[in-house]
PDB file of N, CA and C in Angstrom:
ATOM      1  N   MET A   1       0.387  -1.581   0.508  1.00  0.00           N
ATOM      2  CA  MET A   1       0.219   0.034   0.071  1.00  0.00           C
ATOM      3  C   MET A   1       0.512   1.571   0.355  1.00  0.00           C
ATOM      4  N   LEU A   2       2.169   1.085   0.967  1.00  0.00           N
ATOM      5  CA  LEU A   2       3.102   1.966   0.313  1.00  0.00           C
ATOM      6  C   LEU A   2       3.413   2.952  -0.851  1.00  0.00           C
ATOM      7  N   GLU A   3       2.550   2.211  -1.776  1.00  0.00           N
ATOM      8  CA  GLU A   3       3.772   2.161  -2.979  1.00  0.00           C
ATOM      9  C   GLU A   3       2.026   3.971  -3.418  1.00  0.00           C
ATOM     10  N   TYR A   4       1.248   3.487  -3.410  1.00  0.00           N
ATOM     11  CA  TYR A   4      -0.160   4.352  -3.381  1.00  0.00           C
ATOM     12  C   TYR A   4      -0.181   5.490  -2.868  1.00  0.00           C
ATOM     13  N   SER A   5       0.703   6.316  -2.149  1.00  0.00           N
ATOM     14  CA  SER A   5       1.298   7.421  -1.439  1.00  0.00           C
ATOM     15  C   SER A   5       1.978   7.963  -2.342  1.00  0.00           C
ATOM     16  N   ILE A   6       2.934   6.923  -3.721  1.00  0.00           N
ATOM     17  CA  ILE A   6       3.593   8.142  -4.109  1.00  0.00           C
ATOM     18  C   ILE A   6       2.335   9.156  -4.871  1.00  0.00           C
ATOM     19  N   VAL A   7       0.799   7.766  -5.574  1.00  0.00           N
ATOM     20  CA  VAL A   7      -0.015   9.134  -5.861  1.00  0.00           C
ATOM     21  C   VAL A   7      -1.145   9.361  -5.504  1.00  0.00           C
ATOM     22  N   THR A   8      -0.755   9.165  -4.185  1.00  0.00           N
ATOM     23  CA  THR A   8      -1.572  10.552  -3.676  1.00  0.00           C
ATOM     24  C   THR A   8      -1.034  11.680  -3.684  1.00  0.00           C
ATOM     25  N   ALA A   9       0.742  11.802  -3.176  1.00  0.00           N
ATOM     26  CA  ALA A   9       1.497  12.961  -3.119  1.00  0.00           C
ATOM     27  C   ALA A   9       0.770  13.672  -5.393  1.00  0.00           C
ATOM     28  N   ILE A  10       1.762  12.724  -6.136  1.00  0.00           N
ATOM     29  CA  ILE A  10       0.738  13.027  -7.773  1.00  0.00           C
ATOM     30  C   ILE A  10      -0.018  13.902  -8.100  1.00  0.00           C
ATOM     31  N   ALA A  11      -1.289  12.595  -6.978  1.00  0.00           N
ATOM     32  CA  ALA A  11      -2.835  13.465  -8.053  1.00  0.00           C
ATOM     33  C   ALA A  11      -2.518  14.855  -6.509  1.00  0.00           C
ATOM     34  N   MET A  12      -2.154  15.047  -5.688  1.00  0.00           N
ATOM     35  CA  MET A  12      -2.648  16.672  -4.641  1.00  0.00           C
ATOM     36  C   MET A  12      -1.324  17.137  -5.620  1.00  0.00           C
ATOM     37  N   GLY A  13      -0.570  17.079  -6.198  1.00  0.00           N
ATOM     38  CA  GLY A  13       0.606  18.669  -6.947  1.00  0.00           C
ATOM     39  C   GLY A  13      -0.323  18.801  -8.064  1.00  0.00           C
ATOM     40  N   VAL A  14      -0.033  17.817  -8.749  1.00  0.00           N
ATOM     41  CA  VAL A  14      -0.828  18.101 -10.206  1.00  0.00           C
ATOM     42  C   VAL A  14      -1.999  19.269  -9.883  1.00  0.00           C
ATOM     43  N   SER A  15      -2.726  18.720  -8.623  1.00  0.00           N
ATOM     44  CA  SER A  15      -4.252  18.960  -8.837  1.00  0.00           C
ATOM     45  C   SER A  15      -3.955  20.788  -8.302  1.00  0.00           C
ATOM     46  N   GLN A  16      -2.726  20.852  -7.927  1.00  0.00           N
ATOM     47  CA  GLN A  16      -2.390  22.007  -7.572  1.00  0.00           C
ATOM     48  C   GLN A  16      -2.357  23.218  -8.579  1.00  0.00           C
ATOM     49  N   MET A  17      -1.551  22.196  -9.765  1.00  0.00           N
ATOM     50  CA  MET A  17      -0.684  23.145 -10.387  1.00  0.00           C
ATOM     51  C   MET A  17      -1.794  23.289 -11.708  1.00  0.00           C
ATOM     52  N   ILE A  18      -3.200  23.002 -11.388  1.00  0.00           N
ATOM     53  CA  ILE A  18      -3.846  23.162 -12.649  1.00  0.00           C
ATOM     54  C   ILE A  18      -4.925  23.959 -11.830  1.00  0.00           C
ATOM     55  N   LYS A  19      -5.190  24.547 -10.379  1.00  0.00           N
ATOM     56  CA  LYS A  19      -5.934  25.373  -9.607  1.00  0.00           C
ATOM     57  C   LYS A  19      -5.076  26.847  -9.994  1.00  0.00           C
ATOM     58  N   GLY A  20      -3.856  26.731  -9.920  1.00  0.00           N
ATOM     59  CA  GLY A  20      -3.140  27.767 -10.095  1.00  0.00           C
ATOM     60  C   GLY A  20      -3.319  28.225 -12.378  1.00  0.00           C
ATOM     61  N   VAL A  21      -2.844  26.780 -12.584  1.00  0.00           N
ATOM     62  CA  VAL A  21      -3.534  27.682 -13.686  1.00  0.00           C
ATOM     63  C   VAL A  21      -5.284  28.661 -14.279  1.00  0.00           C
ATOM     64  N   GLY A  22      -6.304  28.125 -13.634  1.00  0.00           N
ATOM     65  CA  GLY A  22      -6.729  28.843 -13.078  1.00  0.00           C
ATOM     66  C   GLY A  22      -7.948  28.133 -13.527  1.00  0.00           C
ATOM     67  N   VAL A  23      -8.434  26.785 -13.378  1.00  0.00           N
ATOM     68  CA  VAL A  23      -9.013  26.042 -13.700  1.00  0.00           C
ATOM     69  C   VAL A  23     -10.215  25.911 -12.164  1.00  0.00           C
ATOM     70  N   LYS A  24     -11.275  26.951 -12.465  1.00  0.00           N
ATOM     71  CA  LYS A  24     -12.331  26.340 -11.170  1.00  0.00           C
ATOM     72  C   LYS A  24     -11.960  26.055 -10.280  1.00  0.00           C
ATOM     73  N   THR A  25     -11.660  26.090  -8.880  1.00  0.00           N
ATOM     74  CA  THR A  25     -12.042  25.423  -7.543  1.00  0.00           C
ATOM     75  C   THR A  25     -12.613  24.016  -7.545  1.00  0.00           C
ATOM     76  N   LYS A  26     -14.220  24.322  -7.865  1.00  0.00           N
ATOM     77  CA  LYS A  26     -15.291  23.000  -7.593  1.00  0.00           C
ATOM     78  C   LYS A  26     -14.533  21.727  -8.924  1.00  0.00           C
ATOM     79  N   TYR A  27     -13.604  21.933  -9.858  1.00  0.00           N
ATOM     80  CA  TYR A  27     -13.541  20.860 -10.197  1.00  0.00           C
ATOM     81  C   TYR A  27     -12.563  20.319  -9.929  1.00  0.00           C
ATOM     82  N   ILE A  28     -11.224  20.843  -8.674  1.00  0.00           N
ATOM     83  CA  ILE A  28     -10.601  20.396  -8.364  1.00  0.00           C
ATOM     84  C   ILE A  28     -10.792  18.764  -7.849  1.00  0.00           C
ATOM     85  N   PRO A  29     -12.156  18.736  -6.620  1.00  0.00           N
ATOM     86  CA  PRO A  29     -11.817  17.194  -6.366  1.00  0.00           C
ATOM     87  C   PRO A  29     -11.731  15.996  -7.620  1.00  0.00           C
ATOM     88  N   LEU A  30     -12.529  16.664  -8.798  1.00  0.00           N
ATOM     89  CA  LEU A  30     -13.224  15.694  -9.897  1.00  0.00           C
ATOM     90  C   LEU A  30     -11.808  15.233 -10.672  1.00  0.00           C
ATOM     91  N   ILE A  31     -10.974  16.541 -10.660  1.00  0.00           N
ATOM     92  CA  ILE A  31     -10.027  16.101 -11.803  1.00  0.00           C
ATOM     93  C   ILE A  31      -9.269  15.483 -11.011  1.00  0.00           C
ATOM     94  N   CYS A  32      -8.790  15.799  -9.740  1.00  0.00           N
ATOM     95  CA  CYS A  32      -8.517  14.418  -8.948  1.00  0.00           C
ATOM     96  C   CYS A  32      -8.315  13.709  -8.951  1.00  0.00           C
ATOM     97  N   LEU A  33     -10.003  12.773  -8.668  1.00  0.00           N
ATOM     98  CA  LEU A  33      -9.673  11.909  -8.786  1.00  0.00           C
ATOM     99  C   LEU A  33     -10.425  11.037  -9.920  1.00  0.00           C
ATOM    100  N   VAL A  34      -9.989  11.589 -10.992  1.00  0.00           N
ATOM    101  CA  VAL A  34     -10.121  10.903 -12.282  1.00  0.00           C
ATOM    102  C   VAL A  34      -8.873  10.938 -12.355  1.00  0.00           C
ATOM    103  N   LEU A  35      -7.793  12.232 -12.137  1.00  0.00           N
ATOM    104  CA  LEU A  35      -6.491  11.682 -12.444  1.00  0.00           C
ATOM    105  C   LEU A  35      -5.784  10.666 -11.533  1.00  0.00           C
ATOM    106  N   GLY A  36      -5.658  10.637 -10.649  1.00  0.00           N
ATOM    107  CA  GLY A  36      -5.765   9.660  -9.209  1.00  0.00           C
ATOM    108  C   GLY A  36      -5.693   8.127  -9.862  1.00  0.00           C
ATOM    109  N   THR A  37      -6.573   8.088 -10.672  1.00  0.00           N
ATOM    110  CA  THR A  37      -6.784   6.846 -10.303  1.00  0.00           C
ATOM    111  C   THR A  37      -6.645   6.618 -12.279  1.00  0.00           C
ATOM    112  N   LEU A  38      -6.262   6.977 -12.269  1.00  0.00           N
ATOM    113  CA  LEU A  38      -5.868   6.154 -14.224  1.00  0.00           C
ATOM    114  C   LEU A  38      -4.240   6.340 -13.727  1.00  0.00           C
ATOM    115  N   LEU A  39      -3.740   7.390 -12.978  1.00  0.00           N
ATOM    116  CA  LEU A  39      -2.299   7.060 -12.969  1.00  0.00           C
ATOM    117  C   LEU A  39      -2.138   6.151 -11.838  1.00  0.00           C
ATOM    118  N   ALA A  40      -2.651   5.018 -11.344  1.00  0.00           N
ATOM    119  CA  ALA A  40      -2.523   4.137 -10.131  1.00  0.00           C
ATOM    120  C   ALA A  40      -2.693   3.328 -11.162  1.00  0.00           C
ATOM    121  N   MET A  41      -3.838   3.116 -12.297  1.00  0.00           N
ATOM    122  CA  MET A  41      -3.252   2.349 -13.520  1.00  0.00           C
ATOM    123  C   MET A  41      -2.889   2.083 -14.083  1.00  0.00           C
ATOM    124  N   VAL A  42      -2.261   3.305 -14.319  1.00  0.00           N
ATOM    125  CA  VAL A  42      -0.761   3.326 -15.838  1.00  0.00           C
ATOM    126  C   VAL A  42       0.265   2.644 -14.965  1.00  0.00           C
ATOM    127  N   MET A  43       0.103   3.188 -13.860  1.00  0.00           N
ATOM    128  CA  MET A  43       1.610   2.322 -13.151  1.00  0.00           C
ATOM    129  C   MET A  43       1.458   0.900 -13.007  1.00  0.00           C
ATOM    130  N   TYR A  44       0.154   0.450 -11.964  1.00  0.00           N
ATOM    131  CA  TYR A  44       0.379  -0.657 -11.554  1.00  0.00           C
ATOM    132  C   TYR A  44      -0.146  -1.602 -12.056  1.00  0.00           C
ATOM    133  N   GLY A  45      -1.132  -0.961 -13.860  1.00  0.00           N
ATOM    134  CA  GLY A  45      -2.085  -2.285 -14.830  1.00  0.00           C
ATOM    135  C   GLY A  45      -4.184  -1.817 -14.165  1.00  0.00           C
ATOM    136  N   PHE A  46      -3.748  -2.542 -15.199  1.00  0.00           N
ATOM    137  CA  PHE A  46      -5.865  -1.861 -14.853  1.00  0.00           C
ATOM    138  C   PHE A  46      -6.319  -3.553 -14.355  1.00  0.00           C
ATOM    139  N   THR A  47      -6.267  -3.474 -13.342  1.00  0.00           N
ATOM    140  CA  THR A  47      -7.372  -4.447 -12.375  1.00  0.00           C
ATOM    141  C   THR A  47      -8.215  -3.969 -11.428  1.00  0.00           C
ATOM    142  N   LYS A  48      -9.314  -4.642 -10.698  1.00  0.00           N
ATOM    143  CA  LYS A  48     -10.221  -4.364 -10.165  1.00  0.00           C
ATOM    144  C   LYS A  48      -9.230  -3.476  -8.539  1.00  0.00           C
ATOM    145  N   GLY A  49      -8.468  -4.305  -8.247  1.00  0.00           N
ATOM    146  CA  GLY A  49      -7.987  -3.993  -6.907  1.00  0.00           C
ATOM    147  C   GLY A  49      -7.433  -2.688  -6.951  1.00  0.00           C
ATOM    148  N   VAL A  50      -6.124  -2.351  -7.980  1.00  0.00           N
ATOM    149  CA  VAL A  50      -5.594  -1.547  -8.707  1.00  0.00           C
ATOM    150  C   VAL A  50      -6.339   0.150  -8.225  1.00  0.00           C
ATOM    151  N   LEU A  51      -8.028  -0.132  -9.308  1.00  0.00           N
ATOM    152  CA  LEU A  51      -8.979   0.958  -9.790  1.00  0.00           C
ATOM    153  C   LEU A  51      -9.227   0.977  -7.715  1.00  0.00           C
ATOM    154  N   LEU A  52      -9.363   0.241  -7.192  1.00  0.00           N
ATOM    155  CA  LEU A  52     -10.220   1.127  -5.477  1.00  0.00           C
ATOM    156  C   LEU A  52      -9.269   1.625  -5.274  1.00  0.00           C
ATOM    157  N   ASN A  53      -7.238   1.425  -5.593  1.00  0.00           N
ATOM    158  CA  ASN A  53      -6.461   1.597  -4.178  1.00  0.00           C
ATOM    159  C   ASN A  53      -6.002   3.149  -5.176  1.00  0.00           C
ATOM    160  N   GLY A  54      -6.298   3.529  -6.230  1.00  0.00           N
ATOM    161  CA  GLY A  54      -6.028   4.424  -7.107  1.00  0.00           C
ATOM    162  C   GLY A  54      -7.510   5.372  -6.253  1.00  0.00           C
ATOM    163  N   LEU A  55      -8.486   5.065  -6.905  1.00  0.00           N
ATOM    164  CA  LEU A  55      -9.446   5.891  -5.988  1.00  0.00           C
ATOM    165  C   LEU A  55      -9.597   5.843  -4.651  1.00  0.00           C
ATOM    166  N   VAL A  56      -8.699   5.526  -3.899  1.00  0.00           N
ATOM    167  CA  VAL A  56      -8.370   5.131  -2.100  1.00  0.00           C
ATOM    168  C   VAL A  56      -7.448   7.013  -2.179  1.00  0.00           C
ATOM    169  N   ALA A  57      -6.514   6.481  -3.041  1.00  0.00           N
ATOM    170  CA  ALA A  57      -5.434   7.245  -3.368  1.00  0.00           C
ATOM    171  C   ALA A  57      -5.789   9.033  -3.744  1.00  0.00           C
ATOM    172  N   SER A  58      -6.393   8.759  -4.674  1.00  0.00           N
ATOM    173  CA  SER A  58      -7.675   9.870  -4.836  1.00  0.00           C
ATOM    174  C   SER A  58      -7.947  10.850  -3.515  1.00  0.00           C
ATOM    175  N   LEU A  59      -9.131  10.027  -3.260  1.00  0.00           N
ATOM    176  CA  LEU A  59      -9.820  10.839  -2.303  1.00  0.00           C
ATOM    177  C   LEU A  59      -8.531  11.366  -0.881  1.00  0.00           C
ATOM    178  N   THR A  60      -7.530  10.078  -0.358  1.00  0.00           N
ATOM    179  CA  THR A  60      -6.480  10.694   0.366  1.00  0.00           C
ATOM    180  C   THR A  60      -6.023  12.370   0.258  1.00  0.00           C
ATOM    181  N   ALA A  61      -5.560  12.205  -1.207  1.00  0.00           N
ATOM    182  CA  ALA A  61      -4.996  13.741  -1.648  1.00  0.00           C
ATOM    183  C   ALA A  61      -6.206  14.702  -1.857  1.00  0.00           C
ATOM    184  N   MET A  62      -7.778  14.344  -1.714  1.00  0.00           N
ATOM    185  CA  MET A  62      -8.579  15.251  -1.009  1.00  0.00           C
ATOM    186  C   MET A  62      -8.311  16.311  -0.060  1.00  0.00           C
ATOM    187  N   GLY A  63      -8.624  14.760   0.607  1.00  0.00           N
ATOM    188  CA  GLY A  63      -8.525  14.543   2.845  1.00  0.00           C
ATOM    189  C   GLY A  63      -7.697  15.618   2.983  1.00  0.00           C
ATOM    190  N   LEU A  64      -6.726  14.855   2.400  1.00  0.00           N
ATOM    191  CA  LEU A  64      -4.971  15.641   3.055  1.00  0.00           C
ATOM    192  C   LEU A  64      -4.726  17.479   3.011  1.00  0.00           C
ATOM    193  N   TYR A  65      -5.509  18.049   1.630  1.00  0.00           N
ATOM    194  CA  TYR A  65      -5.531  19.338   0.997  1.00  0.00           C
ATOM    195  C   TYR A  65      -7.045  20.002   1.890  1.00  0.00           C
ATOM    196  N   SER A  66      -7.786  19.393   1.993  1.00  0.00           N
ATOM    197  CA  SER A  66      -9.241  20.560   2.954  1.00  0.00           C
ATOM    198  C   SER A  66      -8.514  20.110   4.317  1.00  0.00           C
ATOM    199  N   GLY A  67      -7.747  18.936   4.874  1.00  0.00           N
ATOM    200  CA  GLY A  67      -7.985  18.733   6.072  1.00  0.00           C
ATOM    201  C   GLY A  67      -6.918  19.983   6.369  1.00  0.00           C
ATOM    202  N   THR A  68      -5.709  19.745   5.537  1.00  0.00           N
ATOM    203  CA  THR A  68      -4.590  20.599   5.943  1.00  0.00           C
ATOM    204  C   THR A  68      -5.267  22.381   5.655  1.00  0.00           C
ATOM    205  N   LYS A  69      -6.029  22.637   4.939  1.00  0.00           N
ATOM    206  CA  LYS A  69      -6.536  23.952   4.525  1.00  0.00           C
ATOM    207  C   LYS A  69      -7.675  24.464   5.624  1.00  0.00           C
ATOM    208  N   ALA A  70      -8.214  23.514   6.437  1.00  0.00           N
ATOM    209  CA  ALA A  70      -8.695  23.593   7.924  1.00  0.00           C
ATOM    210  C   ALA A  70      -8.566  23.849   8.601  1.00  0.00           C
ATOM    211  N   THR A  71      -7.423  22.814   8.044  1.00  0.00           N
ATOM    212  CA  THR A  71      -6.196  23.360  10.078  1.00  0.00           C
ATOM    213  C   THR A  71      -5.196  24.472  10.214  1.00  0.00           C
ATOM    214  N   VAL A  72      -4.636  25.134   8.590  1.00  0.00           N
ATOM    215  CA  VAL A  72      -4.122  27.016   8.446  1.00  0.00           C
ATOM    216  C   VAL A  72      -5.015  27.637   8.943  1.00  0.00           C
ATOM    217  N   LYS A  73      -6.294  27.469   8.709  1.00  0.00           N
ATOM    218  CA  LYS A  73      -7.637  28.381   9.302  1.00  0.00           C
ATOM    219  C   LYS A  73      -7.258  28.495  10.555  1.00  0.00           C
TER     220      LYS A  73
END
């Protein structure tokens, strides 16, 4: 499961870069979810387990960002 932390970090970083480009923030969670899932499937293969782990990694990236944002406020 440790290898999916790479997917989490990449999904979080790329979604923040996309937000900096000017994409509306309401679309960022959807982009992060799709990006993390596709990234996991490309990196580790196209199986149901990888799909599920990619979704979990994407949701973790979104939660990590929102949790940090709430803590800073």
